[in-house]
Amino acid sequence: MPTADCTAAIDNSVELLRTIAAVLDIRDVFPQVSEIANKVLAHDLLTMMFHDRGGQILIEAASTDEFKGLTRFIKADDSQPDEGFVIIDDFTTATLPIVEPVDLRERIVAAGFRSLLVVLTRARHQDMGLAFWSKHTSAFSRDDVPVARRIADHVALAVSHEQLAEAARQVADAQARAERLEARVQSLTQELHARAEHARVVGRSAQWHDVLKRATQVAETETTVLLSGESGTGKEVVARFIHRASPRRGGPFVALNCAALPEQLLESELFGYERGAFTGAQQAKPGQIELAMGGVLFLDEVSEMSPSAQAKFLRVLQEREFQRLGGVRLQKANVRVIAATNRDLQKAVERGDFREDLYYRLQVFDIRIAPLRERPADILDLSEAFLDEIGRSFGRPPAGLTRDAREALLRHHWPGNVRELRNALERAAILCEGGLISAAHLSLQPRRQPPPAATTTNLPLVERDTIEQVMRDCGWNKSKAAKRLGLSRTQLYVRLRRYELEQPAAN
C-alpha cells in the first residue's frame, strides 16, 4: 500500500480510534491495537514503553505478554538523534542500539524476530517508544516511518488522556479523603469542647492541627499508639481525644503514670494482685489493665517502667493476656494501649534502659506533640479557654488579659508547656481577684535564649537544661521548681535522679 494511502487509512481508522478511546488502560486492548495496525503496517509483535522525564517507566504493553518489556532496551541510534526512529534490518548481523541485558540479541533471535522498527514520540512532554517487530529480514523501510508515527501518535494521545484521567481521579480521591478527615477532626473537637477537658483541645497552629488529624486517622483502628513530646505538652489530652474518637469510646479510659510509682507498686497497680501475693496483700485487687477492659489503657512516661514490668507488659501486647501478681490464672487483656514518653526511646534502647522488642511493639503509630514554644499561635487561644475554665471553678466570670499580659504570654519560653501556662493563669486569676490580668500578675521570668527546637533526638538534653535552669532560678527549692515546671514533686525527683542534677556545694 502506498505511503499516502496508509496514512489516510490510519487517519480514517474509526475502528482504531474507538478501540483506544473506549478504555482507561490501553494495556487491556493492546493486542487489538496491534491487530488493527497490522492492516496498514505488517508486523508480528507490537510493544510500547512510556516513561516520564526522569526515565521512570510508567506503562509497558505488548501484543503478546511474553515479550512485554523488550522496548525498554531500545535506544535511538546516536548517529540519527533528530530522526526519532530506529530500523534494524537483521538482528543476526546488526549492531544493536542497546545497553542491557547482554543476552538480549540471543533472546530476540531465539524468539524468531529478524527486524525491527522503533518510532519515538512525545505526549505532553513525555517520551514514548512504539516498536514494530517482524520475523522477516528487512521487513521495514523508511517509507513505513510516517505510518508507524501516525499509529504511535494515536497511542500516545490515548495514553496521555488516560494518565490525565487517572491523575484527576487520584486528586479528587485525595481531596475527598482530606475533606472527610477534616470534617471528622472538627466534629470530634466540637464534641470535646462540650466536655470538661475542652480547654486543652483548643489550638489553631498547624502543628496542633496535624496532631489531631493523625489522632483521628488512627482512632478508628485498634493500633497501639506512642505519643512523644516534652512534659506538659498535652499527651494525655491527645490520648483522650483518640479514645473519644474510637470504637472503644463507650469503654473506660484508665491512665497510669509509670514515673509516679516505685517499681514494686507499679507492677501491682498495673497487673493487680491476689490475696497473699506479698506482705500487706490482705485481699485481691484488680489492676489497671482489668479496669481498662473494653476501653483504653494510657501509660504515661512509659520509659520509666522497670525491666521486670517491661517484660511482663510485653506479653500483654504480644499475647493479649496477663496474670495478677501471685496468681496463676491467665486473663485476656481486652484493652487498647496508648503510651506516652518525653524521652527518646530509641536512645534508651541503645543504652540498654528499654527493651527493644517492647519498643517496636509500642511504636506502631507514633505522634509527636510539639512544645508550646514551637506553636505560639495556640498560646492566646489556650489562655482564653483556661481562664474560662478557671472562672467556672472559682464561681465567677473569667478574668481578662491586658495587652501587656498577652505580650508577656507570647514572649515567654514555656519550659513547662501547656501545664505551666495553666498554672500561671490560675495563679494570676487569684491575684487579680476576678479583674484584668496584667503582666505583673503573671510573674513570668524574662525569656531566656531558648534551647534548640526539641526533636525526638534531643528531648532529654532540652529537658535536662530546662530543669537545671528552673532549679537555679528557684534556689534549688524543689517544691517551687516543680510548681513552675508543672510537675508533681515525685516526677521532679525522678528527673533529678535521671539527669544526676544536684545543688552545687556552697563555697
Protein backbone atom coordinates (compact mmCIF):
# COMPACT_ATOMS: atom_id res chain seq x y z
CA MET A 1 0.00 0.00 0.00
CA PRO A 2 1.45 3.44 -0.91
CA THR A 3 2.53 5.59 1.99
CA ALA A 4 -0.15 8.23 1.38
CA ASP A 5 -2.85 5.57 1.30
CA CYS A 6 -1.50 4.05 4.53
CA THR A 7 -1.55 7.42 6.26
CA ALA A 8 -5.09 8.07 5.12
CA ALA A 9 -6.11 4.63 6.25
CA ILE A 10 -4.79 5.30 9.74
CA ASP A 11 -6.44 8.73 9.90
CA ASN A 12 -9.76 7.25 8.86
CA SER A 13 -9.48 4.16 11.01
CA VAL A 14 -12.53 4.73 13.18
CA GLU A 15 -12.03 1.22 14.49
CA LEU A 16 -8.57 2.05 15.85
CA LEU A 17 -9.68 5.29 17.47
CA ARG A 18 -12.77 3.66 19.00
CA THR A 19 -10.70 0.78 20.38
CA ILE A 20 -8.16 3.07 22.02
CA ALA A 21 -10.60 5.68 23.30
CA ALA A 22 -13.06 3.21 24.83
CA VAL A 23 -10.74 2.06 27.62
CA LEU A 24 -8.97 3.67 30.56
CA ASP A 25 -5.97 1.33 30.38
CA ILE A 26 -4.56 0.87 26.91
CA ARG A 27 -2.78 -2.30 28.04
CA ASP A 28 -6.16 -4.02 28.14
CA VAL A 29 -6.66 -3.66 24.38
CA PHE A 30 -3.08 -3.59 23.09
CA PRO A 31 -3.46 -6.92 21.22
CA GLN A 32 -6.45 -5.43 19.34
CA VAL A 33 -4.44 -2.26 18.61
CA SER A 34 -1.74 -4.45 17.08
CA GLU A 35 -4.30 -6.38 15.05
CA ILE A 36 -5.84 -3.20 13.64
CA ALA A 37 -2.44 -1.60 12.94
CA ASN A 38 -1.42 -4.76 11.09
CA LYS A 39 -3.85 -3.84 8.34
CA VAL A 40 -1.61 -0.95 7.29
CA LEU A 41 1.81 -1.97 8.66
CA ALA A 42 2.58 -5.68 8.73
CA HIS A 43 4.34 -6.90 11.89
CA ASP A 44 4.43 -9.93 14.17
CA LEU A 45 4.73 -8.12 17.50
CA LEU A 46 3.92 -4.62 18.74
CA THR A 47 5.40 -3.31 22.00
CA MET A 48 5.25 0.03 23.77
CA MET A 49 7.16 1.73 26.57
CA PHE A 50 6.08 5.06 28.08
CA HIS A 51 8.21 6.88 30.67
CA ASP A 52 8.36 10.25 32.42
CA ARG A 53 11.04 12.94 32.19
CA GLY A 54 13.13 11.23 34.83
CA GLY A 55 13.21 7.96 32.94
CA GLN A 56 10.76 6.24 35.29
CA ILE A 57 8.75 3.69 33.29
CA LEU A 58 5.04 4.44 33.60
CA ILE A 59 3.41 2.00 31.20
CA GLU A 60 4.59 -1.06 29.27
CA ALA A 61 2.45 -3.02 26.85
CA ALA A 62 2.85 -5.76 24.27
CA SER A 63 0.52 -7.54 21.91
CA THR A 64 1.91 -10.74 23.48
CA ASP A 65 2.66 -10.70 27.22
CA GLU A 66 5.66 -12.97 26.72
CA PHE A 67 7.62 -10.12 25.14
CA LYS A 68 6.47 -7.19 27.28
CA GLY A 69 9.46 -5.08 28.30
CA LEU A 70 11.62 -5.54 25.21
CA THR A 71 11.17 -1.92 24.15
CA ARG A 72 12.82 -0.54 27.28
CA PHE A 73 16.22 -1.70 25.99
CA ILE A 74 15.97 0.01 22.60
CA LYS A 75 17.69 3.38 22.32
CA ALA A 76 17.77 5.77 19.36
CA ASP A 77 20.91 5.48 17.26
CA ASP A 78 23.36 8.22 18.24
CA SER A 79 24.10 8.82 14.57
CA GLN A 80 20.44 9.77 13.95
CA PRO A 81 19.49 11.83 17.01
CA ASP A 82 16.98 14.03 15.22
CA GLU A 83 15.14 11.45 13.14
CA GLY A 84 13.36 9.78 16.06
CA PHE A 85 13.29 6.27 14.65
CA VAL A 86 15.40 3.12 14.56
CA ILE A 87 15.37 0.45 11.84
CA ILE A 88 17.20 -2.84 12.26
CA ASP A 89 17.19 -4.97 9.12
CA ASP A 90 18.65 -8.15 10.60
CA PHE A 91 19.24 -8.91 14.28
CA THR A 92 21.72 -11.65 13.43
CA THR A 93 24.22 -9.22 11.90
CA ALA A 94 23.30 -5.70 13.10
CA THR A 95 24.90 -3.77 15.95
CA LEU A 96 22.04 -3.37 18.39
CA PRO A 97 21.41 0.09 19.89
CA ILE A 98 21.05 -1.44 23.34
CA VAL A 99 23.00 -1.44 26.59
CA GLU A 100 21.47 -4.31 28.56
CA PRO A 101 20.86 -7.10 29.06
CA VAL A 102 23.85 -8.57 27.29
CA ASP A 103 21.95 -11.66 26.13
CA LEU A 104 19.13 -9.68 24.55
CA ARG A 105 20.29 -10.42 20.97
CA GLU A 106 20.24 -14.15 21.64
CA ARG A 107 16.77 -13.93 23.19
CA ILE A 108 15.40 -11.91 20.27
CA VAL A 109 16.87 -14.21 17.65
CA ALA A 110 15.72 -17.29 19.56
CA ALA A 111 12.20 -15.88 19.53
CA GLY A 112 12.37 -15.76 15.73
CA PHE A 113 12.49 -12.00 15.24
CA ARG A 114 14.74 -10.68 12.49
CA SER A 115 13.90 -6.97 12.01
CA LEU A 116 12.60 -4.02 13.98
CA LEU A 117 11.14 -0.54 13.51
CA VAL A 118 11.03 1.79 16.53
CA VAL A 119 9.39 5.21 16.38
CA LEU A 120 9.93 7.66 19.20
CA THR A 121 7.16 10.09 20.01
CA ARG A 122 6.23 12.51 22.76
CA ALA A 123 2.95 13.09 24.57
CA ARG A 124 2.70 16.10 26.88
CA HIS A 125 6.49 16.36 27.13
CA GLN A 126 6.99 12.69 27.95
CA ASP A 127 8.87 10.22 25.74
CA MET A 128 7.33 7.07 24.34
CA GLY A 129 8.68 4.36 22.09
CA LEU A 130 6.44 2.21 19.88
CA ALA A 131 8.24 -0.82 18.43
CA PHE A 132 7.10 -2.95 15.49
CA TRP A 133 8.80 -6.36 15.41
CA SER A 134 8.91 -8.73 12.44
CA LYS A 135 10.13 -12.27 11.88
CA HIS A 136 11.16 -11.39 8.35
CA THR A 137 14.52 -9.86 7.41
CA SER A 138 14.34 -6.29 6.04
CA ALA A 139 10.61 -6.12 6.74
CA PHE A 140 10.65 -2.35 7.37
CA SER A 141 11.86 0.69 5.42
CA ARG A 142 11.89 4.47 5.79
CA ASP A 143 8.59 4.57 3.88
CA ASP A 144 6.96 2.85 6.86
CA VAL A 145 8.06 5.53 9.33
CA PRO A 146 5.20 8.05 8.68
CA VAL A 147 2.63 5.28 9.07
CA ALA A 148 4.25 4.00 12.24
CA ARG A 149 4.41 7.52 13.62
CA ARG A 150 0.72 8.13 12.93
CA ILE A 151 -0.15 4.95 14.82
CA ALA A 152 2.20 6.00 17.63
CA ASP A 153 0.54 9.43 17.79
CA HIS A 154 -2.87 7.85 18.32
CA VAL A 155 -1.50 5.57 21.04
CA ALA A 156 0.45 8.38 22.72
CA LEU A 157 -2.62 10.61 22.77
CA ALA A 158 -4.69 7.84 24.32
CA VAL A 159 -2.04 7.17 26.95
CA SER A 160 -1.81 10.87 27.73
CA HIS A 161 -5.58 11.14 28.18
CA GLU A 162 -5.56 8.00 30.28
CA GLN A 163 -2.89 9.42 32.56
CA LEU A 164 -4.68 12.74 32.91
CA ALA A 165 -7.92 10.97 33.78
CA GLU A 166 -6.18 8.81 36.37
CA ALA A 167 -4.36 11.81 37.84
CA ALA A 168 -7.66 13.67 38.09
CA ARG A 169 -9.24 10.69 39.84
CA GLN A 170 -6.36 10.47 42.29
CA VAL A 171 -6.53 14.19 43.08
CA ALA A 172 -10.30 14.00 43.56
CA ASP A 173 -9.98 10.95 45.81
CA ALA A 174 -7.24 12.58 47.89
CA GLN A 175 -9.27 15.77 48.23
CA ALA A 176 -12.35 13.81 49.28
CA ARG A 177 -10.35 11.87 51.89
CA ALA A 178 -8.85 15.10 53.22
CA GLU A 179 -12.29 16.72 53.47
CA ARG A 180 -13.72 13.70 55.30
CA LEU A 181 -10.78 13.71 57.70
CA GLU A 182 -11.12 17.47 58.29
CA ALA A 183 -14.83 17.09 58.99
CA ARG A 184 -14.11 14.29 61.44
CA VAL A 185 -11.50 16.37 63.28
CA GLN A 186 -13.92 19.30 63.55
CA SER A 187 -16.71 17.04 64.78
CA LEU A 188 -14.54 15.45 67.46
CA THR A 189 -13.13 18.80 68.56
CA GLN A 190 -16.62 20.25 68.93
CA GLU A 191 -17.72 17.17 70.87
CA LEU A 192 -14.82 17.51 73.29
CA HIS A 193 -15.40 21.25 73.65
CA ALA A 194 -18.66 20.37 75.37
CA ARG A 195 -16.81 18.24 77.90
CA ALA A 196 -14.76 19.20 80.95
CA GLU A 197 -11.42 18.73 79.22
CA HIS A 198 -12.31 21.05 76.33
CA ALA A 199 -9.81 23.80 77.13
CA ARG A 200 -6.72 21.83 76.29
CA VAL A 201 -8.07 20.65 72.92
CA VAL A 202 -8.04 24.25 71.74
CA GLY A 203 -5.40 25.26 69.23
CA ARG A 204 -5.14 26.79 65.78
CA SER A 205 -1.48 26.12 64.94
CA ALA A 206 -0.59 23.85 62.03
CA GLN A 207 1.40 21.61 64.39
CA TRP A 208 -1.57 21.03 66.70
CA HIS A 209 -3.93 20.53 63.79
CA ASP A 210 -1.61 17.87 62.33
CA VAL A 211 -1.59 16.09 65.70
CA LEU A 212 -5.39 15.98 65.75
CA LYS A 213 -5.52 14.75 62.15
CA ARG A 214 -3.11 11.89 62.87
CA ALA A 215 -5.01 11.09 66.05
CA THR A 216 -8.27 10.96 64.09
CA GLN A 217 -6.73 8.70 61.44
CA VAL A 218 -5.52 6.13 63.96
CA ALA A 219 -8.51 6.37 66.30
CA GLU A 220 -10.79 4.06 64.35
CA THR A 221 -8.25 1.22 64.47
CA GLU A 222 -7.03 -0.96 67.33
CA THR A 223 -3.41 0.05 66.66
CA THR A 224 -1.09 0.76 69.58
CA VAL A 225 -0.10 4.45 69.66
CA LEU A 226 3.07 6.07 71.03
CA LEU A 227 2.86 9.77 71.90
CA SER A 228 6.13 11.65 72.30
CA GLY A 229 6.84 15.18 73.46
CA GLU A 230 8.09 17.22 76.36
CA SER A 231 6.32 17.15 79.71
CA GLY A 232 3.15 19.22 79.77
CA THR A 233 2.57 19.32 76.00
CA GLY A 234 -0.80 17.58 76.20
CA LYS A 235 -0.07 13.91 75.58
CA GLU A 236 -2.91 12.73 77.82
CA VAL A 237 -5.27 15.16 76.08
CA VAL A 238 -4.40 13.57 72.74
CA ALA A 239 -4.84 10.10 74.24
CA ARG A 240 -8.32 11.05 75.46
CA PHE A 241 -9.08 12.52 72.04
CA ILE A 242 -8.19 9.17 70.42
CA HIS A 243 -10.34 7.34 72.97
CA ARG A 244 -13.36 9.54 72.28
CA ALA A 245 -12.93 9.09 68.52
CA SER A 246 -12.52 5.30 68.67
CA PRO A 247 -14.99 2.40 68.71
CA ARG A 248 -13.99 2.00 72.39
CA ARG A 249 -15.44 5.40 73.34
CA GLY A 250 -18.08 3.66 75.44
CA GLY A 251 -15.42 1.86 77.48
CA PRO A 252 -13.23 3.24 80.27
CA PHE A 253 -10.16 5.42 79.87
CA VAL A 254 -7.62 4.40 82.52
CA ALA A 255 -4.41 6.42 82.94
CA LEU A 256 -1.32 5.28 84.82
CA ASN A 257 1.83 7.38 85.29
CA CYS A 258 4.74 4.95 85.32
CA ALA A 259 7.10 7.54 86.85
CA ALA A 260 4.88 8.34 89.82
CA LEU A 261 5.12 4.90 91.44
CA PRO A 262 8.00 2.82 92.85
CA GLU A 263 8.91 -0.32 90.92
CA GLN A 264 7.05 -2.81 93.14
CA LEU A 265 3.94 -0.66 93.41
CA LEU A 266 3.86 -0.05 89.65
CA GLU A 267 3.55 -3.76 88.88
CA SER A 268 0.81 -4.31 91.45
CA GLU A 269 -1.09 -1.28 90.14
CA LEU A 270 -0.71 -2.36 86.53
CA PHE A 271 -1.38 -6.09 86.80
CA GLY A 272 -3.30 -6.32 90.08
CA TYR A 273 -2.61 -8.94 92.74
CA GLU A 274 -4.12 -11.89 94.55
CA ARG A 275 -4.58 -12.15 98.27
CA GLY A 276 -1.30 -13.05 99.96
CA ALA A 277 0.80 -12.15 96.91
CA PHE A 278 3.04 -10.06 99.17
CA THR A 279 3.11 -8.68 102.69
CA GLY A 280 0.10 -6.46 103.17
CA ALA A 281 -1.97 -8.01 100.38
CA GLN A 282 -4.95 -8.76 102.61
CA GLN A 283 -7.35 -9.11 99.70
CA ALA A 284 -7.21 -9.42 95.93
CA LYS A 285 -7.22 -6.24 93.88
CA PRO A 286 -7.71 -5.77 90.13
CA GLY A 287 -5.02 -3.86 88.27
CA GLN A 288 -5.31 -1.04 85.78
CA ILE A 289 -5.36 -3.48 82.87
CA GLU A 290 -8.52 -5.11 84.24
CA LEU A 291 -10.09 -1.75 84.99
CA ALA A 292 -9.47 -0.69 81.38
CA MET A 293 -11.15 -3.77 79.87
CA GLY A 294 -13.16 -2.79 76.80
CA GLY A 295 -11.52 0.63 76.73
CA VAL A 296 -8.13 2.33 76.61
CA LEU A 297 -5.12 1.95 78.90
CA PHE A 298 -2.94 5.07 78.83
CA LEU A 299 0.60 4.57 80.12
CA ASP A 300 2.27 7.92 80.70
CA GLU A 301 6.06 8.12 80.95
CA VAL A 302 6.33 4.51 79.81
CA SER A 303 10.11 4.92 79.63
CA GLU A 304 10.21 4.79 83.45
CA MET A 305 8.80 1.26 83.54
CA SER A 306 11.16 -1.16 85.32
CA PRO A 307 12.81 -4.03 83.37
CA SER A 308 10.60 -6.54 85.19
CA ALA A 309 7.43 -4.64 84.35
CA GLN A 310 8.60 -4.22 80.75
CA ALA A 311 8.97 -7.98 80.33
CA LYS A 312 5.52 -8.64 81.76
CA PHE A 313 3.86 -5.90 79.77
CA LEU A 314 5.44 -7.17 76.55
CA ARG A 315 3.31 -10.27 76.97
CA VAL A 316 0.21 -8.11 77.21
CA LEU A 317 0.99 -6.61 73.80
CA GLN A 318 2.14 -9.85 72.18
CA GLU A 319 -0.31 -12.40 73.57
CA ARG A 320 -3.07 -10.10 74.81
CA GLU A 321 -3.05 -11.83 78.19
CA PHE A 322 -1.66 -11.27 81.70
CA GLN A 323 -1.59 -12.60 85.26
CA ARG A 324 -2.16 -10.87 88.55
CA LEU A 325 0.81 -10.85 90.90
CA GLY A 326 0.70 -14.06 92.90
CA GLY A 327 -1.90 -15.50 90.52
CA VAL A 328 -1.83 -18.50 88.18
CA ARG A 329 -4.86 -17.78 86.01
CA LEU A 330 -4.26 -16.14 82.66
CA GLN A 331 -6.67 -13.35 81.81
CA LYS A 332 -7.38 -11.85 78.41
CA ALA A 333 -6.31 -8.23 78.01
CA ASN A 334 -9.11 -6.64 76.01
CA VAL A 335 -7.56 -3.18 76.07
CA ARG A 336 -6.14 -0.74 73.58
CA VAL A 337 -2.78 0.65 74.65
CA ILE A 338 -1.71 4.26 74.19
CA ALA A 339 1.74 5.01 75.61
CA ALA A 340 3.49 8.34 76.11
CA THR A 341 7.05 9.39 76.73
CA ASN A 342 9.12 12.55 77.00
CA ARG A 343 12.32 10.65 76.32
CA ASP A 344 13.92 9.30 73.16
CA LEU A 345 13.00 5.63 73.49
CA GLN A 346 15.33 4.61 70.68
CA LYS A 347 18.27 6.09 72.59
CA ALA A 348 17.03 4.31 75.72
CA VAL A 349 17.08 1.04 73.78
CA GLU A 350 20.65 1.69 72.62
CA ARG A 351 21.70 2.35 76.23
CA GLY A 352 20.01 -0.84 77.38
CA ASP A 353 17.45 1.04 79.51
CA PHE A 354 14.45 -0.11 77.49
CA ARG A 355 13.61 -3.41 75.80
CA GLU A 356 13.96 -3.29 72.04
CA ASP A 357 11.10 -5.74 71.44
CA LEU A 358 8.77 -3.69 73.63
CA TYR A 359 9.85 -0.50 71.85
CA TYR A 360 8.80 -1.88 68.46
CA ARG A 361 5.53 -3.16 69.91
CA LEU A 362 4.73 0.32 71.20
CA GLN A 363 5.93 2.32 68.21
CA VAL A 364 3.41 1.02 65.70
CA PHE A 365 1.98 4.50 65.14
CA ASP A 366 3.79 7.45 66.67
CA ILE A 367 2.60 11.02 67.09
CA ARG A 368 4.99 13.80 68.14
CA ILE A 369 3.45 16.71 70.03
CA ALA A 370 5.41 19.92 69.62
CA PRO A 371 6.27 22.03 72.69
CA LEU A 372 4.26 25.19 73.24
CA ARG A 373 7.17 27.43 72.22
CA GLU A 374 7.02 25.88 68.73
CA ARG A 375 3.30 26.68 68.35
CA PRO A 376 2.84 30.25 69.63
CA ALA A 377 -0.40 30.55 67.66
CA ASP A 378 -2.01 28.35 70.32
CA ILE A 379 -0.97 30.39 73.38
CA LEU A 380 -3.71 33.04 73.45
CA ASP A 381 -6.46 30.61 72.44
CA LEU A 382 -5.42 28.25 75.21
CA SER A 383 -5.21 31.14 77.65
CA GLU A 384 -8.77 32.28 76.95
CA ALA A 385 -10.07 28.73 77.29
CA PHE A 386 -8.17 28.15 80.54
CA LEU A 387 -9.41 31.42 82.04
CA ASP A 388 -12.97 30.45 81.21
CA GLU A 389 -12.45 27.07 82.89
CA ILE A 390 -10.77 28.66 85.92
CA GLY A 391 -13.55 31.23 86.25
CA ARG A 392 -16.15 28.49 86.37
CA SER A 393 -14.21 26.62 89.04
CA PHE A 394 -13.99 29.84 91.11
CA GLY A 395 -17.68 30.57 90.60
CA ARG A 396 -17.09 33.94 88.96
CA PRO A 397 -16.74 35.43 85.47
CA PRO A 398 -13.46 34.67 83.69
CA ALA A 399 -10.64 37.16 84.11
CA GLY A 400 -9.50 39.16 81.11
CA LEU A 401 -5.99 39.79 79.77
CA THR A 402 -4.42 43.21 79.31
CA ARG A 403 -2.28 43.92 76.27
CA ASP A 404 0.95 43.67 78.25
CA ALA A 405 -0.22 40.32 79.69
CA ARG A 406 -0.84 38.98 76.20
CA GLU A 407 2.58 40.17 75.06
CA ALA A 408 4.19 38.57 78.11
CA LEU A 409 2.46 35.27 77.39
CA LEU A 410 3.72 35.32 73.80
CA ARG A 411 7.28 36.22 74.83
CA HIS A 412 7.64 33.53 77.48
CA HIS A 413 9.57 30.35 76.63
CA TRP A 414 7.18 27.97 78.48
CA PRO A 415 9.58 25.23 79.59
CA GLY A 416 6.64 23.57 81.36
CA ASN A 417 4.49 23.89 78.23
CA VAL A 418 0.67 23.85 78.47
CA ARG A 419 0.71 22.71 82.08
CA GLU A 420 2.87 25.68 83.07
CA LEU A 421 0.58 28.03 81.13
CA ARG A 422 -2.49 26.87 83.03
CA ASN A 423 -0.74 27.12 86.39
CA ALA A 424 0.44 30.66 85.62
CA LEU A 425 -3.06 31.72 84.60
CA GLU A 426 -4.69 30.19 87.67
CA ARG A 427 -2.22 31.99 89.93
CA ALA A 428 -2.80 35.26 88.07
CA ALA A 429 -6.59 34.84 88.24
CA ILE A 430 -6.34 34.62 92.02
CA LEU A 431 -4.07 37.66 92.28
CA CYS A 432 -6.22 39.89 90.06
CA GLU A 433 -9.33 38.99 92.08
CA GLY A 434 -11.51 38.48 89.04
CA GLY A 435 -10.47 41.62 87.18
CA LEU A 436 -7.96 42.07 84.39
CA ILE A 437 -4.74 40.07 84.46
CA SER A 438 -1.65 42.19 83.83
CA ALA A 439 1.90 41.07 83.13
CA ALA A 440 2.72 41.71 86.80
CA HIS A 441 0.07 39.20 87.88
CA LEU A 442 1.64 36.54 85.65
CA SER A 443 5.06 36.87 87.33
CA LEU A 444 6.79 35.25 84.36
CA GLN A 445 10.57 35.12 84.28
CA PRO A 446 12.23 37.08 81.43
CA ARG A 447 12.63 34.91 78.40
CA ARG A 448 16.00 33.22 78.12
CA GLN A 449 17.61 32.17 74.88
CA PRO A 450 15.64 29.03 74.02
CA PRO A 451 17.46 25.75 73.53
CA PRO A 452 17.35 24.14 70.07
CA ALA A 453 13.88 23.04 68.97
CA ALA A 454 13.08 19.71 70.55
CA THR A 455 13.00 16.68 68.34
CA THR A 456 12.87 13.02 69.06
CA THR A 457 16.68 13.00 69.12
CA ASN A 458 17.36 15.85 71.64
CA LEU A 459 14.40 15.79 74.04
CA PRO A 460 16.49 14.58 77.03
CA LEU A 461 19.07 17.36 76.55
CA VAL A 462 16.36 20.02 76.31
CA GLU A 463 14.58 18.70 79.38
CA ARG A 464 17.78 18.48 81.45
CA ASP A 465 18.82 22.03 80.59
CA THR A 466 15.33 23.34 81.33
CA ILE A 467 15.07 21.62 84.71
CA GLU A 468 18.56 22.73 85.73
CA GLN A 469 17.81 26.36 84.85
CA VAL A 470 14.48 26.36 86.71
CA MET A 471 16.11 24.76 89.76
CA ARG A 472 18.73 27.53 89.78
CA ASP A 473 16.04 30.21 89.40
CA CYS A 474 14.16 28.72 92.37
CA GLY A 475 17.27 28.44 94.55
CA TRP A 476 17.03 24.64 94.34
CA ASN A 477 13.69 24.69 96.13
CA LYS A 478 12.07 21.53 94.75
CA SER A 479 8.50 22.50 95.63
CA LYS A 480 8.74 25.85 93.83
CA ALA A 481 10.56 24.32 90.84
CA ALA A 482 8.01 21.51 90.49
CA LYS A 483 5.16 24.01 90.52
CA ARG A 484 6.83 26.24 87.91
CA LEU A 485 7.55 23.24 85.67
CA GLY A 486 4.03 21.92 86.06
CA LEU A 487 5.32 18.65 87.57
CA SER A 488 4.50 16.76 90.74
CA ARG A 489 7.28 16.51 93.33
CA THR A 490 7.63 12.79 92.54
CA GLN A 491 8.03 13.49 88.82
CA LEU A 492 10.65 16.13 89.54
CA TYR A 493 12.58 13.79 91.86
CA VAL A 494 12.63 11.13 89.13
CA ARG A 495 14.13 13.59 86.65
CA LEU A 496 16.69 14.95 89.10
CA ARG A 497 17.95 11.41 89.69
CA ARG A 498 17.86 10.56 85.99
CA TYR A 499 19.91 13.58 84.97
CA GLU A 500 22.11 13.49 88.11
CA LEU A 501 21.25 17.07 88.98
CA GLU A 502 22.33 18.18 92.45
CA GLN A 503 22.60 21.54 94.17
CA PRO A 504 26.19 22.82 93.92
CA ALA A 505 28.07 22.82 97.21
CA ALA A 506 28.27 26.23 98.88
CA ASN A 507 31.65 27.97 98.66
